[in-house]
Amino acid sequence: SIKHPLHITCIGSDATGKMELDPKLAANADLLVADCSLQTAERGEFEDALKQQLVELDSVVELGKFIEREELHRNRDGKDDDCRLTIFDSSGVAVQDCVIAAMVNEALVQREMPM
């Protein structure tokens, strides 16, 4: 049994059939987000849930769209009324990895932290 609220971040499903989540968990999630919806369908954590028709591909929100749509974000006002199960699948988009690495590097440089 899964307790809510809960967020799960999945990293590393880089090959077809390589998954760690039960497809039923994806089916019961309130929000599914992926770095690339087509890629997650081919080799991500939502692959089996999609193949078994437990979820529809159009219910998977791509990361860029999620960032734009503030109504999908968790509440930050201190209220404890967001009881969703949310799952993010990062199957690896190289350009995103490069941008994230550059942002982390810049943040470290600005804080003068050793790398």
Foldseek 3Di string as FASTA:
>chain_A
DDFWDEEAEADAQQAAPDEDDDLVLVLQFPAAEEQDLVVCCGGKHNVVVCVVVSDDSVRYHYPVVCVVDCVNDDDPPPDPPPGTYYYYIYNDDPVVVVVVVVVVVVVCVVVVHDD
